[in-house]
């Protein structure tokens, strides 16, 4: 019951809000090629720590054709909205 309540509450949070309360703060240790788009954004623009260099993260970011504006939008988007977008 408690786990499902936490899951429901988290869906109403944005990535930015989750980071503010200490979630998604762990160090990203995987290679940039294996990072998700949001992990690339977090390490490049939103001060999430990583063991990789900014140059290698930036190269992968550019290779995928990502933009800072997309990162800001995703960072502010509610988790539930992100789930709905991925389903559609």
C-alpha atoms as a PDB file:
ATOM      1  CA  UNK A   1       0.000   0.000   0.000  1.00  0.00           C
ATOM      2  CA  UNK A   2       2.758   2.437   0.936  1.00  0.00           C
ATOM      3  CA  UNK A   3       4.747   1.731  -2.229  1.00  0.00           C
ATOM      4  CA  UNK A   4       1.742   2.355  -4.440  1.00  0.00           C
ATOM      5  CA  UNK A   5       0.999   5.615  -2.598  1.00  0.00           C
ATOM      6  CA  UNK A   6       4.569   6.806  -3.159  1.00  0.00           C
ATOM      7  CA  UNK A   7       4.313   5.857  -6.846  1.00  0.00           C
ATOM      8  CA  UNK A   8       1.094   7.834  -7.223  1.00  0.00           C
ATOM      9  CA  UNK A   9       2.587  10.885  -5.510  1.00  0.00           C
ATOM     10  CA  UNK A  10       5.736  10.739  -7.661  1.00  0.00           C
ATOM     11  CA  UNK A  11       3.707  10.758 -10.850  1.00  0.00           C
ATOM     12  CA  UNK A  12       2.470  14.213  -9.862  1.00  0.00           C
ATOM     13  CA  UNK A  13       6.045  15.503  -9.502  1.00  0.00           C
ATOM     14  CA  UNK A  14       8.321  16.899 -12.154  1.00  0.00           C
ATOM     15  CA  UNK A  15      11.913  15.774 -12.539  1.00  0.00           C
ATOM     16  CA  UNK A  16      12.977  19.152 -11.139  1.00  0.00           C
ATOM     17  CA  UNK A  17      10.836  18.685  -8.021  1.00  0.00           C
ATOM     18  CA  UNK A  18      12.107  15.134  -7.509  1.00  0.00           C
ATOM     19  CA  UNK A  19      15.695  16.393  -7.705  1.00  0.00           C
ATOM     20  CA  UNK A  20      14.935  19.132  -5.177  1.00  0.00           C
ATOM     21  CA  UNK A  21      13.904  16.572  -2.563  1.00  0.00           C
ATOM     22  CA  UNK A  22      17.012  14.442  -3.115  1.00  0.00           C
ATOM     23  CA  UNK A  23      15.863  11.965  -5.728  1.00  0.00           C
ATOM     24  CA  UNK A  24      17.834  11.452  -8.944  1.00  0.00           C
ATOM     25  CA  UNK A  25      20.977  12.758  -7.253  1.00  0.00           C
ATOM     26  CA  UNK A  26      23.116   9.625  -7.534  1.00  0.00           C
ATOM     27  CA  UNK A  27      26.238   9.806  -9.649  1.00  0.00           C
ATOM     28  CA  UNK A  28      25.787   8.606 -13.230  1.00  0.00           C
ATOM     29  CA  UNK A  29      28.632   6.168 -13.873  1.00  0.00           C
ATOM     30  CA  UNK A  30      27.724   4.718 -17.253  1.00  0.00           C
ATOM     31  CA  UNK A  31      29.185   5.806 -20.574  1.00  0.00           C
ATOM     32  CA  UNK A  32      27.309   8.614 -22.349  1.00  0.00           C
ATOM     33  CA  UNK A  33      26.287   6.210 -25.140  1.00  0.00           C
ATOM     34  CA  UNK A  34      24.340   4.219 -22.534  1.00  0.00           C
ATOM     35  CA  UNK A  35      22.762   7.196 -20.747  1.00  0.00           C
ATOM     36  CA  UNK A  36      19.135   8.097 -21.284  1.00  0.00           C
ATOM     37  CA  UNK A  37      18.402  11.481 -22.854  1.00  0.00           C
ATOM     38  CA  UNK A  38      17.300  12.880 -19.500  1.00  0.00           C
ATOM     39  CA  UNK A  39      20.522  11.661 -17.850  1.00  0.00           C
ATOM     40  CA  UNK A  40      22.524  13.459 -20.534  1.00  0.00           C
ATOM     41  CA  UNK A  41      20.539  16.620 -19.803  1.00  0.00           C
ATOM     42  CA  UNK A  42      20.908  16.294 -16.039  1.00  0.00           C
ATOM     43  CA  UNK A  43      24.669  15.821 -16.188  1.00  0.00           C
ATOM     44  CA  UNK A  44      25.237  18.490 -18.816  1.00  0.00           C
ATOM     45  CA  UNK A  45      22.869  21.242 -17.647  1.00  0.00           C
ATOM     46  CA  UNK A  46      21.407  20.434 -14.233  1.00  0.00           C
ATOM     47  CA  UNK A  47      24.499  19.643 -12.141  1.00  0.00           C
ATOM     48  CA  UNK A  48      23.998  15.899 -11.693  1.00  0.00           C
ATOM     49  CA  UNK A  49      27.360  14.350 -10.923  1.00  0.00           C
ATOM     50  CA  UNK A  50      28.979  11.882 -13.295  1.00  0.00           C
ATOM     51  CA  UNK A  51      32.234  10.024 -13.754  1.00  0.00           C
ATOM     52  CA  UNK A  52      32.333  10.995 -17.439  1.00  0.00           C
ATOM     53  CA  UNK A  53      33.790  14.147 -18.979  1.00  0.00           C
ATOM     54  CA  UNK A  54      31.579  17.021 -20.120  1.00  0.00           C
ATOM     55  CA  UNK A  55      33.176  16.684 -23.571  1.00  0.00           C
ATOM     56  CA  UNK A  56      32.074  13.067 -23.996  1.00  0.00           C
ATOM     57  CA  UNK A  57      28.584  13.859 -22.667  1.00  0.00           C
ATOM     58  CA  UNK A  58      28.332  16.883 -24.965  1.00  0.00           C
ATOM     59  CA  UNK A  59      29.431  14.835 -27.968  1.00  0.00           C
ATOM     60  CA  UNK A  60      26.715  12.234 -27.329  1.00  0.00           C
ATOM     61  CA  UNK A  61      24.176  15.013 -26.669  1.00  0.00           C
ATOM     62  CA  UNK A  62      24.945  16.576 -30.064  1.00  0.00           C
ATOM     63  CA  UNK A  63      25.027  13.177 -31.795  1.00  0.00           C
ATOM     64  CA  UNK A  64      21.449  12.557 -30.641  1.00  0.00           C
ATOM     65  CA  UNK A  65      20.399  16.005 -31.835  1.00  0.00           C
ATOM     66  CA  UNK A  66      19.164  17.111 -28.410  1.00  0.00           C
ATOM     67  CA  UNK A  67      18.593  20.763 -27.533  1.00  0.00           C
ATOM     68  CA  UNK A  68      18.793  22.637 -24.232  1.00  0.00           C
ATOM     69  CA  UNK A  69      15.184  23.792 -24.654  1.00  0.00           C
ATOM     70  CA  UNK A  70      14.078  20.136 -24.811  1.00  0.00           C
ATOM     71  CA  UNK A  71      16.012  19.434 -21.610  1.00  0.00           C
ATOM     72  CA  UNK A  72      14.345  22.315 -19.781  1.00  0.00           C
ATOM     73  CA  UNK A  73      10.924  21.175 -21.002  1.00  0.00           C
ATOM     74  CA  UNK A  74      11.551  17.584 -19.896  1.00  0.00           C
ATOM     75  CA  UNK A  75      12.951  18.729 -16.555  1.00  0.00           C
ATOM     76  CA  UNK A  76       9.742  20.627 -15.817  1.00  0.00           C
ATOM     77  CA  UNK A  77       7.344  18.018 -17.232  1.00  0.00           C
ATOM     78  CA  UNK A  78       5.341  15.953 -14.762  1.00  0.00           C
ATOM     79  CA  UNK A  79       6.211  12.251 -14.626  1.00  0.00           C
ATOM     80  CA  UNK A  80       2.624  11.291 -15.400  1.00  0.00           C
ATOM     81  CA  UNK A  81       2.692  13.442 -18.542  1.00  0.00           C
ATOM     82  CA  UNK A  82       5.943  11.788 -19.621  1.00  0.00           C
ATOM     83  CA  UNK A  83       4.402   8.332 -19.180  1.00  0.00           C
ATOM     84  CA  UNK A  84       1.324   9.308 -21.194  1.00  0.00           C
ATOM     85  CA  UNK A  85       3.521  10.750 -23.976  1.00  0.00           C
ATOM     86  CA  UNK A  86       5.556   7.545 -24.191  1.00  0.00           C
ATOM     87  CA  UNK A  87       2.389   5.419 -24.421  1.00  0.00           C
ATOM     88  CA  UNK A  88       0.920   7.603 -27.165  1.00  0.00           C
END
